[in-house]
Amino acid sequence: MKPLSCLSEAQGVLIADTSVAINLNATGCAGQVLRALPYKTVIVDIIQEELELGRNRGRRDAELTAALVASKHIDVVALGEVGLGHFEQLVVDPAPRP
């Protein structure tokens, strides 16, 4: 019996943020996880820059994510002007209060 999943087999794109990249790397089997997904996985180029900041603290996520990109498990995309504006609002502005 095939396990149930909330992911459909339809074509789609999964956009991973920095925390997703870090958690994928922490599994030790990120390539296998990404191959099991029915979607293409992408990260925004800004995520790579954020991961690079961790190198100074001895973290390997930039290196591990670069390997996932090189092996075509993840694609890197760039945001346009409108997308950058939305991204900045999500990561810079304080969260709305209830």
PDB file of N, CA and C in Angstrom:
ATOM      1  N   MET A   1       0.836  -1.171   0.000  1.00  0.00           N
ATOM      2  CA  MET A   1       0.000   0.000   0.000  1.00  0.00           C
ATOM      3  C   MET A   1       0.884   1.239   0.000  1.00  0.00           C
ATOM      4  N   LYS A   2       0.604   2.153  -0.898  1.00  0.00           N
ATOM      5  CA  LYS A   2       1.369   3.393  -1.008  1.00  0.00           C
ATOM      6  C   LYS A   2       0.969   4.350   0.118  1.00  0.00           C
ATOM      7  N   PRO A   3       1.962   4.969   0.817  1.00  0.00           N
ATOM      8  CA  PRO A   3       1.612   5.903   1.888  1.00  0.00           C
ATOM      9  C   PRO A   3       0.878   7.127   1.348  1.00  0.00           C
ATOM     10  N   LEU A   4      -0.043   7.640   2.145  1.00  0.00           N
ATOM     11  CA  LEU A   4      -0.770   8.844   1.758  1.00  0.00           C
ATOM     12  C   LEU A   4       0.145  10.051   1.854  1.00  0.00           C
ATOM     13  N   SER A   5      -0.063  11.024   0.990  1.00  0.00           N
ATOM     14  CA  SER A   5       0.744  12.228   0.974  1.00  0.00           C
ATOM     15  C   SER A   5      -0.134  13.414   0.637  1.00  0.00           C
ATOM     16  N   CYS A   6       0.212  14.556   1.196  1.00  0.00           N
ATOM     17  CA  CYS A   6      -0.519  15.762   0.829  1.00  0.00           C
ATOM     18  C   CYS A   6       0.050  16.367  -0.453  1.00  0.00           C
ATOM     19  N   LEU A   7       1.113  15.781  -0.977  1.00  0.00           N
ATOM     20  CA  LEU A   7       1.700  16.256  -2.220  1.00  0.00           C
ATOM     21  C   LEU A   7       1.069  15.519  -3.387  1.00  0.00           C
ATOM     22  N   SER A   8       0.632  16.263  -4.357  1.00  0.00           N
ATOM     23  CA  SER A   8       0.051  15.624  -5.533  1.00  0.00           C
ATOM     24  C   SER A   8       1.160  15.283  -6.520  1.00  0.00           C
ATOM     25  N   GLU A   9       0.816  14.522  -7.491  1.00  0.00           N
ATOM     26  CA  GLU A   9       1.778  14.163  -8.530  1.00  0.00           C
ATOM     27  C   GLU A   9       1.827  15.222  -9.630  1.00  0.00           C
ATOM     28  N   ALA A  10       1.056  16.280  -9.482  1.00  0.00           N
ATOM     29  CA  ALA A  10       0.998  17.337 -10.499  1.00  0.00           C
ATOM     30  C   ALA A  10       2.325  18.090 -10.569  1.00  0.00           C
ATOM     31  N   GLN A  11       2.568  18.694 -11.699  1.00  0.00           N
ATOM     32  CA  GLN A  11       3.753  19.523 -11.869  1.00  0.00           C
ATOM     33  C   GLN A  11       3.649  20.727 -10.940  1.00  0.00           C
ATOM     34  N   GLY A  12       4.737  21.109 -10.338  1.00  0.00           N
ATOM     35  CA  GLY A  12       4.749  22.262  -9.455  1.00  0.00           C
ATOM     36  C   GLY A  12       6.174  22.610  -9.076  1.00  0.00           C
ATOM     37  N   VAL A  13       6.291  23.658  -8.279  1.00  0.00           N
ATOM     38  CA  VAL A  13       7.595  24.100  -7.814  1.00  0.00           C
ATOM     39  C   VAL A  13       7.520  24.281  -6.308  1.00  0.00           C
ATOM     40  N   LEU A  14       8.489  23.738  -5.615  1.00  0.00           N
ATOM     41  CA  LEU A  14       8.625  23.917  -4.182  1.00  0.00           C
ATOM     42  C   LEU A  14       9.742  24.929  -3.976  1.00  0.00           C
ATOM     43  N   ILE A  15       9.430  26.037  -3.325  1.00  0.00           N
ATOM     44  CA  ILE A  15      10.425  27.075  -3.083  1.00  0.00           C
ATOM     45  C   ILE A  15      10.883  26.947  -1.636  1.00  0.00           C
ATOM     46  N   ALA A  16      12.136  26.605  -1.449  1.00  0.00           N
ATOM     47  CA  ALA A  16      12.688  26.384  -0.116  1.00  0.00           C
ATOM     48  C   ALA A  16      13.359  27.654   0.400  1.00  0.00           C
ATOM     49  N   ASP A  17      13.160  27.924   1.694  1.00  0.00           N
ATOM     50  CA  ASP A  17      13.853  29.052   2.307  1.00  0.00           C
ATOM     51  C   ASP A  17      15.106  28.554   3.016  1.00  0.00           C
ATOM     52  N   THR A  18      15.789  29.448   3.709  1.00  0.00           N
ATOM     53  CA  THR A  18      17.051  29.102   4.356  1.00  0.00           C
ATOM     54  C   THR A  18      16.886  27.980   5.370  1.00  0.00           C
ATOM     55  N   SER A  19      15.840  28.055   6.175  1.00  0.00           N
ATOM     56  CA  SER A  19      15.659  27.028   7.205  1.00  0.00           C
ATOM     57  C   SER A  19      15.388  25.659   6.580  1.00  0.00           C
ATOM     58  N   VAL A  20      14.684  25.625   5.480  1.00  0.00           N
ATOM     59  CA  VAL A  20      14.444  24.352   4.798  1.00  0.00           C
ATOM     60  C   VAL A  20      15.763  23.787   4.274  1.00  0.00           C
ATOM     61  N   ALA A  21      16.593  24.642   3.682  1.00  0.00           N
ATOM     62  CA  ALA A  21      17.892  24.184   3.184  1.00  0.00           C
ATOM     63  C   ALA A  21      18.735  23.618   4.319  1.00  0.00           C
ATOM     64  N   ILE A  22      18.762  24.309   5.451  1.00  0.00           N
ATOM     65  CA  ILE A  22      19.541  23.853   6.603  1.00  0.00           C
ATOM     66  C   ILE A  22      19.004  22.520   7.123  1.00  0.00           C
ATOM     67  N   ASN A  23      17.684  22.411   7.228  1.00  0.00           N
ATOM     68  CA  ASN A  23      17.092  21.172   7.729  1.00  0.00           C
ATOM     69  C   ASN A  23      17.285  20.013   6.758  1.00  0.00           C
ATOM     70  N   LEU A  24      17.197  20.273   5.463  1.00  0.00           N
ATOM     71  CA  LEU A  24      17.481  19.222   4.483  1.00  0.00           C
ATOM     72  C   LEU A  24      18.903  18.717   4.646  1.00  0.00           C
ATOM     73  N   ASN A  25      19.837  19.652   4.776  1.00  0.00           N
ATOM     74  CA  ASN A  25      21.240  19.266   4.947  1.00  0.00           C
ATOM     75  C   ASN A  25      21.432  18.449   6.214  1.00  0.00           C
ATOM     76  N   ALA A  26      20.710  18.797   7.265  1.00  0.00           N
ATOM     77  CA  ALA A  26      20.845  18.106   8.547  1.00  0.00           C
ATOM     78  C   ALA A  26      20.385  16.650   8.478  1.00  0.00           C
ATOM     79  N   THR A  27      19.551  16.318   7.511  1.00  0.00           N
ATOM     80  CA  THR A  27      19.089  14.937   7.399  1.00  0.00           C
ATOM     81  C   THR A  27      20.203  13.990   6.992  1.00  0.00           C
ATOM     82  N   GLY A  28      21.203  14.524   6.312  1.00  0.00           N
ATOM     83  CA  GLY A  28      22.265  13.659   5.804  1.00  0.00           C
ATOM     84  C   GLY A  28      21.878  12.913   4.543  1.00  0.00           C
ATOM     85  N   CYS A  29      20.650  13.103   4.098  1.00  0.00           N
ATOM     86  CA  CYS A  29      20.194  12.427   2.874  1.00  0.00           C
ATOM     87  C   CYS A  29      19.306  13.376   2.054  1.00  0.00           C
ATOM     88  N   ALA A  30      19.739  14.618   1.939  1.00  0.00           N
ATOM     89  CA  ALA A  30      18.953  15.640   1.249  1.00  0.00           C
ATOM     90  C   ALA A  30      18.637  15.256  -0.190  1.00  0.00           C
ATOM     91  N   GLY A  31      19.601  14.696  -0.893  1.00  0.00           N
ATOM     92  CA  GLY A  31      19.363  14.301  -2.275  1.00  0.00           C
ATOM     93  C   GLY A  31      18.247  13.285  -2.394  1.00  0.00           C
ATOM     94  N   GLN A  32      18.223  12.328  -1.491  1.00  0.00           N
ATOM     95  CA  GLN A  32      17.167  11.311  -1.510  1.00  0.00           C
ATOM     96  C   GLN A  32      15.808  11.931  -1.202  1.00  0.00           C
ATOM     97  N   VAL A  33      15.774  12.826  -0.237  1.00  0.00           N
ATOM     98  CA  VAL A  33      14.513  13.496   0.106  1.00  0.00           C
ATOM     99  C   VAL A  33      13.995  14.281  -1.096  1.00  0.00           C
ATOM    100  N   LEU A  34      14.875  15.037  -1.732  1.00  0.00           N
ATOM    101  CA  LEU A  34      14.458  15.869  -2.861  1.00  0.00           C
ATOM    102  C   LEU A  34      14.015  15.020  -4.055  1.00  0.00           C
ATOM    103  N   ARG A  35      14.670  13.897  -4.281  1.00  0.00           N
ATOM    104  CA  ARG A  35      14.264  13.008  -5.380  1.00  0.00           C
ATOM    105  C   ARG A  35      12.889  12.399  -5.122  1.00  0.00           C
ATOM    106  N   ALA A  36      12.522  12.241  -3.865  1.00  0.00           N
ATOM    107  CA  ALA A  36      11.227  11.639  -3.525  1.00  0.00           C
ATOM    108  C   ALA A  36      10.066  12.605  -3.720  1.00  0.00           C
ATOM    109  N   LEU A  37      10.357  13.884  -3.805  1.00  0.00           N
ATOM    110  CA  LEU A  37       9.290  14.875  -3.982  1.00  0.00           C
ATOM    111  C   LEU A  37       8.835  14.921  -5.436  1.00  0.00           C
ATOM    112  N   PRO A  38       7.526  15.107  -5.661  1.00  0.00           N
ATOM    113  CA  PRO A  38       7.041  15.171  -7.040  1.00  0.00           C
ATOM    114  C   PRO A  38       7.260  16.539  -7.684  1.00  0.00           C
ATOM    115  N   TYR A  39       7.868  17.459  -6.959  1.00  0.00           N
ATOM    116  CA  TYR A  39       8.043  18.822  -7.444  1.00  0.00           C
ATOM    117  C   TYR A  39       9.508  19.145  -7.686  1.00  0.00           C
ATOM    118  N   LYS A  40       9.726  20.093  -8.558  1.00  0.00           N
ATOM    119  CA  LYS A  40      11.032  20.687  -8.734  1.00  0.00           C
ATOM    120  C   LYS A  40      11.268  21.589  -7.513  1.00  0.00           C
ATOM    121  N   THR A  41      12.464  21.570  -6.951  1.00  0.00           N
ATOM    122  CA  THR A  41      12.778  22.390  -5.781  1.00  0.00           C
ATOM    123  C   THR A  41      13.725  23.505  -6.193  1.00  0.00           C
ATOM    124  N   VAL A  42      13.399  24.721  -5.756  1.00  0.00           N
ATOM    125  CA  VAL A  42      14.233  25.879  -6.063  1.00  0.00           C
ATOM    126  C   VAL A  42      14.517  26.666  -4.784  1.00  0.00           C
ATOM    127  N   ILE A  43      15.616  27.398  -4.812  1.00  0.00           N
ATOM    128  CA  ILE A  43      15.910  28.387  -3.784  1.00  0.00           C
ATOM    129  C   ILE A  43      16.212  29.698  -4.481  1.00  0.00           C
ATOM    130  N   VAL A  44      15.951  30.770  -3.785  1.00  0.00           N
ATOM    131  CA  VAL A  44      16.274  32.097  -4.305  1.00  0.00           C
ATOM    132  C   VAL A  44      17.755  32.353  -4.054  1.00  0.00           C
ATOM    133  N   ASP A  45      18.411  33.055  -4.968  1.00  0.00           N
ATOM    134  CA  ASP A  45      19.849  33.299  -4.839  1.00  0.00           C
ATOM    135  C   ASP A  45      20.214  33.945  -3.502  1.00  0.00           C
ATOM    136  N   ILE A  46      19.313  34.677  -2.907  1.00  0.00           N
ATOM    137  CA  ILE A  46      19.563  35.310  -1.603  1.00  0.00           C
ATOM    138  C   ILE A  46      19.816  34.248  -0.531  1.00  0.00           C
ATOM    139  N   ILE A  47      19.177  33.096  -0.668  1.00  0.00           N
ATOM    140  CA  ILE A  47      19.346  32.016   0.307  1.00  0.00           C
ATOM    141  C   ILE A  47      20.802  31.551   0.323  1.00  0.00           C
ATOM    142  N   GLN A  48      21.407  31.442  -0.834  1.00  0.00           N
ATOM    143  CA  GLN A  48      22.815  31.045  -0.897  1.00  0.00           C
ATOM    144  C   GLN A  48      23.686  32.051  -0.148  1.00  0.00           C
ATOM    145  N   GLU A  49      23.363  33.338  -0.296  1.00  0.00           N
ATOM    146  CA  GLU A  49      24.122  34.376   0.402  1.00  0.00           C
ATOM    147  C   GLU A  49      23.963  34.228   1.914  1.00  0.00           C
ATOM    148  N   GLU A  50      22.755  33.930   2.370  1.00  0.00           N
ATOM    149  CA  GLU A  50      22.524  33.738   3.803  1.00  0.00           C
ATOM    150  C   GLU A  50      23.309  32.537   4.319  1.00  0.00           C
ATOM    151  N   LEU A  51      23.325  31.461   3.546  1.00  0.00           N
ATOM    152  CA  LEU A  51      24.057  30.271   3.966  1.00  0.00           C
ATOM    153  C   LEU A  51      25.560  30.531   4.024  1.00  0.00           C
ATOM    154  N   GLU A  52      26.061  31.374   3.137  1.00  0.00           N
ATOM    155  CA  GLU A  52      27.491  31.715   3.139  1.00  0.00           C
ATOM    156  C   GLU A  52      27.900  32.373   4.457  1.00  0.00           C
ATOM    157  N   LEU A  53      26.998  33.122   5.078  1.00  0.00           N
ATOM    158  CA  LEU A  53      27.310  33.777   6.350  1.00  0.00           C
ATOM    159  C   LEU A  53      27.637  32.749   7.430  1.00  0.00           C
ATOM    160  N   GLY A  54      27.100  31.569   7.325  1.00  0.00           N
ATOM    161  CA  GLY A  54      27.358  30.520   8.299  1.00  0.00           C
ATOM    162  C   GLY A  54      28.754  29.924   8.221  1.00  0.00           C
ATOM    163  N   ARG A  55      29.424  30.101   7.101  1.00  0.00           N
ATOM    164  CA  ARG A  55      30.782  29.546   6.956  1.00  0.00           C
ATOM    165  C   ARG A  55      31.711  30.077   8.046  1.00  0.00           C
ATOM    166  N   ASN A  56      31.562  31.364   8.389  1.00  0.00           N
ATOM    167  CA  ASN A  56      32.411  31.965   9.416  1.00  0.00           C
ATOM    168  C   ASN A  56      32.196  31.324  10.783  1.00  0.00           C
ATOM    169  N   ARG A  57      31.073  30.659  10.945  1.00  0.00           N
ATOM    170  CA  ARG A  57      30.761  29.993  12.218  1.00  0.00           C
ATOM    171  C   ARG A  57      30.996  28.485  12.133  1.00  0.00           C
ATOM    172  N   GLY A  58      31.639  28.053  11.049  1.00  0.00           N
ATOM    173  CA  GLY A  58      31.960  26.636  10.902  1.00  0.00           C
ATOM    174  C   GLY A  58      30.824  25.790  10.352  1.00  0.00           C
ATOM    175  N   ARG A  59      29.786  26.418   9.848  1.00  0.00           N
ATOM    176  CA  ARG A  59      28.659  25.654   9.300  1.00  0.00           C
ATOM    177  C   ARG A  59      28.939  25.285   7.845  1.00  0.00           C
ATOM    178  N   ARG A  60      28.437  24.133   7.445  1.00  0.00           N
ATOM    179  CA  ARG A  60      28.703  23.620   6.097  1.00  0.00           C
ATOM    180  C   ARG A  60      27.511  23.733   5.159  1.00  0.00           C
ATOM    181  N   ASP A  61      26.450  24.421   5.564  1.00  0.00           N
ATOM    182  CA  ASP A  61      25.231  24.444   4.749  1.00  0.00           C
ATOM    183  C   ASP A  61      25.429  25.070   3.378  1.00  0.00           C
ATOM    184  N   ALA A  62      26.273  26.090   3.277  1.00  0.00           N
ATOM    185  CA  ALA A  62      26.530  26.694   1.961  1.00  0.00           C
ATOM    186  C   ALA A  62      27.163  25.668   1.030  1.00  0.00           C
ATOM    187  N   GLU A  63      28.124  24.925   1.545  1.00  0.00           N
ATOM    188  CA  GLU A  63      28.814  23.902   0.767  1.00  0.00           C
ATOM    189  C   GLU A  63      27.862  22.763   0.383  1.00  0.00           C
ATOM    190  N   LEU A  64      27.074  22.299   1.352  1.00  0.00           N
ATOM    191  CA  LEU A  64      26.151  21.197   1.090  1.00  0.00           C
ATOM    192  C   LEU A  64      25.054  21.602   0.108  1.00  0.00           C
ATOM    193  N   THR A  65      24.557  22.809   0.242  1.00  0.00           N
ATOM    194  CA  THR A  65      23.519  23.284  -0.683  1.00  0.00           C
ATOM    195  C   THR A  65      24.102  23.490  -2.073  1.00  0.00           C
ATOM    196  N   ALA A  66      25.325  23.995  -2.148  1.00  0.00           N
ATOM    197  CA  ALA A  66      25.986  24.147  -3.453  1.00  0.00           C
ATOM    198  C   ALA A  66      26.130  22.796  -4.143  1.00  0.00           C
ATOM    199  N   ALA A  67      26.399  21.749  -3.362  1.00  0.00           N
ATOM    200  CA  ALA A  67      26.496  20.401  -3.940  1.00  0.00           C
ATOM    201  C   ALA A  67      25.140  19.936  -4.464  1.00  0.00           C
ATOM    202  N   LEU A  68      24.056  20.276  -3.766  1.00  0.00           N
ATOM    203  CA  LEU A  68      22.708  19.925  -4.240  1.00  0.00           C
ATOM    204  C   LEU A  68      22.383  20.665  -5.530  1.00  0.00           C
ATOM    205  N   VAL A  69      22.847  21.905  -5.634  1.00  0.00           N
ATOM    206  CA  VAL A  69      22.645  22.679  -6.866  1.00  0.00           C
ATOM    207  C   VAL A  69      23.459  22.056  -8.002  1.00  0.00           C
ATOM    208  N   ALA A  70      24.709  21.726  -7.718  1.00  0.00           N
ATOM    209  CA  ALA A  70      25.589  21.138  -8.741  1.00  0.00           C
ATOM    210  C   ALA A  70      25.051  19.805  -9.244  1.00  0.00           C
ATOM    211  N   SER A  71      24.407  19.047  -8.349  1.00  0.00           N
ATOM    212  CA  SER A  71      23.865  17.743  -8.744  1.00  0.00           C
ATOM    213  C   SER A  71      22.443  17.850  -9.301  1.00  0.00           C
ATOM    214  N   LYS A  72      21.965  19.075  -9.490  1.00  0.00           N
ATOM    215  CA  LYS A  72      20.650  19.360 -10.093  1.00  0.00           C
ATOM    216  C   LYS A  72      19.471  18.936  -9.210  1.00  0.00           C
ATOM    217  N   HIS A  73      19.698  18.747  -7.910  1.00  0.00           N
ATOM    218  CA  HIS A  73      18.596  18.463  -7.000  1.00  0.00           C
ATOM    219  C   HIS A  73      17.820  19.741  -6.665  1.00  0.00           C
ATOM    220  N   ILE A  74      18.521  20.875  -6.724  1.00  0.00           N
ATOM    221  CA  ILE A  74      17.924  22.180  -6.448  1.00  0.00           C
ATOM    222  C   ILE A  74      18.352  23.133  -7.547  1.00  0.00           C
ATOM    223  N   ASP A  75      17.436  23.980  -7.980  1.00  0.00           N
ATOM    224  CA  ASP A  75      17.762  25.049  -8.918  1.00  0.00           C
ATOM    225  C   ASP A  75      17.776  26.370  -8.161  1.00  0.00           C
ATOM    226  N   VAL A  76      18.586  27.309  -8.624  1.00  0.00           N
ATOM    227  CA  VAL A  76      18.661  28.642  -8.027  1.00  0.00           C
ATOM    228  C   VAL A  76      17.964  29.611  -8.966  1.00  0.00           C
ATOM    229  N   VAL A  77      17.099  30.438  -8.402  1.00  0.00           N
ATOM    230  CA  VAL A  77      16.388  31.447  -9.188  1.00  0.00           C
ATOM    231  C   VAL A  77      16.636  32.822  -8.588  1.00  0.00           C
ATOM    232  N   ALA A  78      16.444  33.842  -9.396  1.00  0.00           N
ATOM    233  CA  ALA A  78      16.584  35.228  -8.939  1.00  0.00           C
ATOM    234  C   ALA A  78      15.210  35.880  -8.942  1.00  0.00           C
ATOM    235  N   LEU A  79      14.988  36.734  -7.968  1.00  0.00           N
ATOM    236  CA  LEU A  79      13.729  37.465  -7.894  1.00  0.00           C
ATOM    237  C   LEU A  79      13.835  38.759  -8.685  1.00  0.00           C
ATOM    238  N   GLY A  80      12.730  39.148  -9.286  1.00  0.00           N
ATOM    239  CA  GLY A  80      12.653  40.443  -9.931  1.00  0.00           C
ATOM    240  C   GLY A  80      12.365  41.514  -8.885  1.00  0.00           C
ATOM    241  N   GLU A  81      12.163  42.704  -9.340  1.00  0.00           N
ATOM    242  CA  GLU A  81      11.947  43.850  -8.446  1.00  0.00           C
ATOM    243  C   GLU A  81      10.744  43.637  -7.520  1.00  0.00           C
ATOM    244  N   VAL A  82       9.629  43.180  -8.076  1.00  0.00           N
ATOM    245  CA  VAL A  82       8.423  42.967  -7.266  1.00  0.00           C
ATOM    246  C   VAL A  82       8.659  41.842  -6.262  1.00  0.00           C
ATOM    247  N   GLY A  83       9.259  40.760  -6.700  1.00  0.00           N
ATOM    248  CA  GLY A  83       9.545  39.643  -5.813  1.00  0.00           C
ATOM    249  C   GLY A  83      10.494  40.026  -4.688  1.00  0.00           C
ATOM    250  N   LEU A  84      11.512  40.834  -5.002  1.00  0.00           N
ATOM    251  CA  LEU A  84      12.435  41.298  -3.964  1.00  0.00           C
ATOM    252  C   LEU A  84      11.708  42.148  -2.918  1.00  0.00           C
ATOM    253  N   GLY A  85      10.763  42.957  -3.378  1.00  0.00           N
ATOM    254  CA  GLY A  85       9.980  43.768  -2.450  1.00  0.00           C
ATOM    255  C   GLY A  85       9.187  42.907  -1.488  1.00  0.00           C
ATOM    256  N   HIS A  86       8.543  41.871  -2.016  1.00  0.00           N
ATOM    257  CA  HIS A  86       7.784  40.947  -1.159  1.00  0.00           C
ATOM    258  C   HIS A  86       8.714  40.203  -0.198  1.00  0.00           C
ATOM    259  N   PHE A  87       9.856  39.767  -0.719  1.00  0.00           N
ATOM    260  CA  PHE A  87      10.821  39.047   0.108  1.00  0.00           C
ATOM    261  C   PHE A  87      11.273  39.929   1.266  1.00  0.00           C
ATOM    262  N   GLU A  88      11.607  41.173   0.980  1.00  0.00           N
ATOM    263  CA  GLU A  88      12.051  42.089   2.030  1.00  0.00           C
ATOM    264  C   GLU A  88      10.972  42.304   3.072  1.00  0.00           C
ATOM    265  N   GLN A  89       9.731  42.409   2.647  1.00  0.00           N
ATOM    266  CA  GLN A  89       8.641  42.574   3.605  1.00  0.00           C
ATOM    267  C   GLN A  89       8.521  41.360   4.522  1.00  0.00           C
ATOM    268  N   LEU A  90       8.756  40.189   3.982  1.00  0.00           N
ATOM    269  CA  LEU A  90       8.650  38.969   4.778  1.00  0.00           C
ATOM    270  C   LEU A  90       9.781  38.826   5.788  1.00  0.00           C
ATOM    271  N   VAL A  91      10.976  39.243   5.415  1.00  0.00           N
ATOM    272  CA  VAL A  91      12.119  38.991   6.290  1.00  0.00           C
ATOM    273  C   VAL A  91      12.588  40.199   7.084  1.00  0.00           C
ATOM    274  N   VAL A  92      12.168  41.387   6.711  1.00  0.00           N
ATOM    275  CA  VAL A  92      12.648  42.593   7.388  1.00  0.00           C
ATOM    276  C   VAL A  92      11.575  43.206   8.288  1.00  0.00           C
ATOM    277  N   ASP A  93      10.373  43.334   7.790  1.00  0.00           N
ATOM    278  CA  ASP A  93       9.314  43.968   8.562  1.00  0.00           C
ATOM    279  C   ASP A  93       8.943  43.120   9.773  1.00  0.00           C
ATOM    280  N   PRO A  94       8.546  43.786  10.856  1.00  0.00           N
ATOM    281  CA  PRO A  94       8.079  43.008  12.018  1.00  0.00           C
ATOM    282  C   PRO A  94       6.782  42.285  11.694  1.00  0.00           C
ATOM    283  N   ALA A  95       6.575  41.186  12.391  1.00  0.00           N
ATOM    284  CA  ALA A  95       5.364  40.402  12.179  1.00  0.00           C
ATOM    285  C   ALA A  95       4.145  41.213  12.615  1.00  0.00           C
ATOM    286  N   PRO A  96       3.016  41.061  11.902  1.00  0.00           N
ATOM    287  CA  PRO A  96       1.817  41.802  12.303  1.00  0.00           C
ATOM    288  C   PRO A  96       1.338  41.330  13.679  1.00  0.00           C
ATOM    289  N   ARG A  97       0.813  42.264  14.413  1.00  0.00           N
ATOM    290  CA  ARG A  97       0.277  41.932  15.748  1.00  0.00           C
ATOM    291  C   ARG A  97      -1.208  41.634  15.650  1.00  0.00           C
ATOM    292  N   PRO A  98      -1.652  40.637  16.439  1.00  0.00           N
ATOM    293  CA  PRO A  98      -3.089  40.267  16.388  1.00  0.00           C
ATOM    294  C   PRO A  98      -3.977  41.359  16.940  1.00  0.00           C
TER     295      PRO A  98
END
